[in-house]
Amino acid sequence: MAQTKEEILQRLPGKDCGQCGFKTCAGLAEYVVQHPDAIGRCVYLQPAVAHPFPPIVAATAELREEDITWKDILEREYDFILEQFPEDPGPREVILPFNPANIERLGIKKGDILFGRPAWVGCPVTHGGLVMEEPDPLNGTIEWCVVGPMLARQRGIEIGQYNPIAYQGIVRFSREELQIGRRYYFLPRFCMLQSRHSGLINALAKRGDAMRVNIESIWIS
């Protein structure tokens, strides 16, 4: 039997932590009414209550221009919203561990689940990610998709602190014309803090009705 939003809210912790990809528990509950398996996004539910963590692609497709406020949680304006590639399980990043030698020491490979904190940019949140490509043996960089803390708790490898080198994704909604070599303020679609970032676009290409971008020199500002 389908549950109502109110019934689902009674099962959720009411923390409004954002780790499920929604700003509030109410936002998740509303989505779960139509997508029951999405209850597994709540990291506070016991395994008997939750289901395996699903990709967050469906939630990305629901973003509508009329719902965008163009202000982050601190009421600061931004220029565009960065969304994940539809085929990816989460936002794609290139990261550099503070100690790249740990890649070899820990035997990190494609398909591993890692967790650590992006310390240099000012983010207080520990991130968990799925390694999408074999790590770069020359530079020590890792390309991963952020998938949230649940998988990291089950079988994650800790890499400690790291520096985000690049964010990769698509832009469907923008208030500014995007240009290579220009720095912008932007909001990552599933940022747990809902805080604007800044970065420099160094690659730009048309992809369907969106723009594929690569953003480097990342800061939370």
Protein backbone atom coordinates (compact mmCIF):
# COMPACT_ATOMS: atom_id res chain seq x y z
CA MET A 1 0.00 0.00 0.00
CA ALA A 2 1.33 3.43 -0.94
CA GLN A 3 2.29 5.66 1.98
CA THR A 4 1.49 9.33 2.35
CA LYS A 5 4.11 12.03 2.78
CA GLU A 6 3.13 12.39 6.46
CA GLU A 7 3.53 8.64 7.10
CA ILE A 8 6.97 8.65 5.48
CA LEU A 9 8.02 11.68 7.52
CA GLN A 10 7.28 9.74 10.70
CA ARG A 11 9.94 7.20 9.67
CA LEU A 12 12.58 9.85 8.92
CA PRO A 13 14.78 11.40 11.63
CA GLY A 14 13.84 15.03 11.03
CA LYS A 15 17.48 16.15 10.98
CA ASP A 16 17.26 17.98 7.62
CA CYS A 17 20.93 17.12 7.13
CA GLY A 18 20.83 17.08 3.32
CA GLN A 19 22.85 13.86 3.01
CA CYS A 20 20.09 12.24 0.96
CA GLY A 21 20.33 14.94 -1.72
CA PHE A 22 17.28 16.90 -0.56
CA LYS A 23 17.38 20.01 1.62
CA THR A 24 14.87 18.64 4.13
CA CYS A 25 13.36 15.37 5.28
CA ALA A 26 10.06 16.67 3.92
CA GLY A 27 11.62 16.99 0.47
CA LEU A 28 12.78 13.38 0.60
CA ALA A 29 9.39 12.22 1.89
CA GLU A 30 7.60 13.92 -0.99
CA TYR A 31 9.91 12.17 -3.47
CA VAL A 32 9.50 8.78 -1.75
CA VAL A 33 5.72 8.92 -2.26
CA GLN A 34 6.34 8.33 -5.98
CA HIS A 35 9.69 6.47 -5.65
CA PRO A 36 9.48 4.17 -2.57
CA ASP A 37 13.01 2.72 -2.96
CA ALA A 38 14.46 6.21 -2.46
CA ILE A 39 13.84 5.84 1.30
CA GLY A 40 17.27 4.16 1.27
CA ARG A 41 18.92 7.52 0.76
CA CYS A 42 18.43 8.32 4.45
CA VAL A 43 21.67 7.25 6.13
CA TYR A 44 20.03 7.19 9.57
CA LEU A 45 17.58 4.37 8.84
CA GLN A 46 18.46 0.84 9.82
CA PRO A 47 19.08 -1.70 7.00
CA ALA A 48 15.78 -3.41 7.80
CA VAL A 49 13.98 -0.14 7.03
CA ALA A 50 16.05 1.18 4.16
CA HIS A 51 16.82 -0.28 0.76
CA PRO A 52 20.16 -0.20 -1.10
CA PHE A 53 21.30 3.30 -2.01
CA PRO A 54 19.97 4.09 -5.51
CA PRO A 55 21.48 6.47 -8.06
CA ILE A 56 20.28 10.05 -7.76
CA VAL A 57 19.78 10.55 -11.49
CA ALA A 58 15.98 10.78 -11.24
CA ALA A 59 16.14 13.66 -8.76
CA THR A 60 18.52 15.55 -11.05
CA ALA A 61 16.02 15.43 -13.93
CA GLU A 62 13.31 17.03 -11.76
CA LEU A 63 15.10 20.36 -11.31
CA ARG A 64 12.89 23.08 -12.77
CA GLU A 65 13.86 26.66 -13.53
CA GLU A 66 10.84 28.03 -11.66
CA ASP A 67 12.09 26.33 -8.46
CA ILE A 68 15.52 27.98 -8.55
CA THR A 69 16.01 30.90 -6.14
CA TRP A 70 19.52 31.78 -7.39
CA LYS A 71 20.61 32.16 -3.76
CA ASP A 72 22.46 29.68 -1.56
CA ILE A 73 21.74 28.87 2.08
CA LEU A 74 23.49 32.11 3.15
CA GLU A 75 21.46 34.17 0.64
CA ARG A 76 24.47 34.64 -1.65
CA GLU A 77 23.79 34.78 -5.37
CA TYR A 78 25.38 32.41 -7.89
CA ASP A 79 25.63 32.20 -11.69
CA PHE A 80 24.68 28.62 -12.55
CA ILE A 81 23.79 25.19 -11.17
CA LEU A 82 26.16 22.29 -11.80
CA GLU A 83 24.38 18.96 -12.28
CA GLN A 84 25.80 15.47 -12.59
CA PHE A 85 26.03 13.59 -15.87
CA PRO A 86 22.76 11.61 -16.25
CA GLU A 87 24.68 8.33 -16.66
CA ASP A 88 26.75 8.81 -13.47
CA PRO A 89 25.75 7.61 -9.97
CA GLY A 90 26.63 11.02 -8.50
CA PRO A 91 28.55 14.27 -9.05
CA ARG A 92 31.92 13.64 -10.76
CA GLU A 93 35.13 15.09 -9.32
CA VAL A 94 38.87 14.81 -9.81
CA ILE A 95 40.64 14.85 -6.44
CA LEU A 96 44.23 14.77 -5.18
CA PRO A 97 44.88 13.17 -1.77
CA PHE A 98 47.21 15.13 0.51
CA ASN A 99 49.44 12.06 0.43
CA PRO A 100 49.23 10.64 -3.14
CA ALA A 101 51.53 7.78 -2.08
CA ASN A 102 48.53 6.29 -0.27
CA ILE A 103 47.02 5.33 -3.62
CA GLU A 104 49.67 2.66 -4.07
CA ARG A 105 49.89 1.81 -0.37
CA LEU A 106 46.12 1.23 -0.12
CA GLY A 107 45.89 -0.46 -3.52
CA ILE A 108 43.16 1.90 -4.72
CA LYS A 109 41.59 0.87 -8.02
CA LYS A 110 38.57 1.50 -10.22
CA GLY A 111 35.35 0.46 -8.46
CA ASP A 112 36.57 1.13 -4.91
CA ILE A 113 34.54 3.24 -2.48
CA LEU A 114 36.61 5.94 -0.78
CA PHE A 115 35.91 8.61 1.82
CA GLY A 116 37.75 11.71 2.95
CA ARG A 117 37.40 15.47 3.44
CA PRO A 118 38.14 18.28 0.94
CA ALA A 119 40.14 20.32 3.44
CA TRP A 120 41.76 23.06 1.34
CA VAL A 121 38.53 24.53 -0.01
CA GLY A 122 36.92 25.07 3.39
CA CYS A 123 34.34 22.27 3.31
CA PRO A 124 33.61 20.63 6.71
CA VAL A 125 31.78 17.62 5.21
CA THR A 126 33.31 14.17 4.73
CA HIS A 127 32.61 12.88 1.21
CA GLY A 128 32.29 9.31 -0.02
CA GLY A 129 32.86 8.41 -3.65
CA LEU A 130 32.98 5.59 -6.19
CA VAL A 131 36.28 5.49 -8.15
CA MET A 132 35.32 5.73 -11.84
CA GLU A 133 38.71 5.29 -13.52
CA GLU A 134 42.05 3.77 -12.58
CA PRO A 135 44.02 6.37 -10.52
CA ASP A 136 46.59 8.44 -12.39
CA PRO A 137 49.98 6.86 -11.55
CA LEU A 138 51.92 9.99 -12.55
CA ASN A 139 50.01 12.74 -10.74
CA GLY A 140 48.23 10.73 -8.06
CA THR A 141 44.78 12.06 -8.96
CA ILE A 142 41.56 10.09 -8.57
CA GLU A 143 38.37 10.49 -10.60
CA TRP A 144 35.32 9.58 -8.54
CA CYS A 145 31.58 10.15 -8.31
CA VAL A 146 30.29 11.30 -4.93
CA VAL A 147 27.69 8.77 -3.77
CA GLY A 148 27.13 9.69 -0.13
CA PRO A 149 28.14 8.14 3.19
CA MET A 150 26.11 4.92 3.20
CA LEU A 151 28.36 2.90 0.88
CA ALA A 152 31.46 4.37 2.54
CA ARG A 153 30.24 3.10 5.91
CA GLN A 154 29.73 -0.39 4.49
CA ARG A 155 33.00 -0.86 2.60
CA GLY A 156 34.84 2.45 2.28
CA ILE A 157 38.60 3.07 2.24
CA GLU A 158 39.71 6.20 4.10
CA ILE A 159 42.05 8.52 2.17
CA GLY A 160 42.10 11.35 4.72
CA GLN A 161 42.17 14.92 3.50
CA TYR A 162 42.26 15.76 -0.19
CA ASN A 163 42.14 18.70 -2.58
CA PRO A 164 39.41 18.93 -5.26
CA ILE A 165 41.17 19.49 -8.60
CA ALA A 166 38.11 19.66 -10.85
CA TYR A 167 34.34 19.31 -10.96
CA GLN A 168 32.77 17.87 -14.10
CA GLY A 169 29.12 17.94 -15.09
CA ILE A 170 26.43 19.65 -17.11
CA VAL A 171 24.83 23.09 -16.89
CA ARG A 172 21.19 23.46 -17.91
CA PHE A 173 20.35 26.57 -15.90
CA SER A 174 22.56 29.65 -15.96
CA ARG A 175 22.12 33.40 -15.53
CA GLU A 176 25.41 34.15 -17.28
CA GLU A 177 26.89 33.21 -20.64
CA LEU A 178 29.50 30.54 -19.96
CA GLN A 179 32.99 31.23 -21.28
CA ILE A 180 36.28 29.36 -21.06
CA GLY A 181 38.80 31.11 -18.83
CA ARG A 182 36.25 32.91 -16.69
CA ARG A 183 35.60 32.35 -12.98
CA TYR A 184 31.99 31.95 -11.83
CA TYR A 185 29.98 31.38 -8.70
CA PHE A 186 28.00 28.15 -8.98
CA LEU A 187 25.92 25.79 -6.86
CA PRO A 188 26.59 22.03 -7.07
CA ARG A 189 23.13 20.47 -7.34
CA PHE A 190 23.61 18.04 -4.46
CA CYS A 191 25.92 20.02 -2.18
CA MET A 192 25.04 18.96 1.37
CA LEU A 193 25.65 22.51 2.60
CA GLN A 194 23.74 24.12 -0.29
CA SER A 195 26.62 26.59 -0.35
CA ARG A 196 27.84 28.37 -3.44
CA HIS A 197 31.28 27.51 -4.85
CA SER A 198 33.53 29.41 -7.19
CA GLY A 199 35.64 27.98 -9.98
CA LEU A 200 37.22 28.62 -13.35
CA ILE A 201 35.77 26.94 -16.45
CA ASN A 202 38.59 25.53 -18.60
CA ALA A 203 36.56 23.21 -20.86
CA LEU A 204 33.14 23.76 -22.38
CA ALA A 205 31.16 21.75 -24.94
CA LYS A 206 27.57 21.45 -26.09
CA ARG A 207 25.75 18.33 -24.91
CA GLY A 208 22.13 18.07 -26.02
CA ASP A 209 20.23 20.96 -24.46
CA ALA A 210 22.96 21.51 -21.85
CA MET A 211 26.62 22.49 -21.66
CA ARG A 212 29.30 20.03 -20.51
CA VAL A 213 31.81 21.82 -18.29
CA ASN A 214 35.08 21.18 -16.48
CA ILE A 215 35.68 23.52 -13.54
CA GLU A 216 39.04 23.92 -11.77
CA SER A 217 40.50 26.17 -9.03
CA ILE A 218 37.59 25.33 -6.72
CA TRP A 219 36.71 27.33 -3.60
CA ILE A 220 33.69 27.56 -1.33
CA SER A 221 33.07 31.28 -1.17
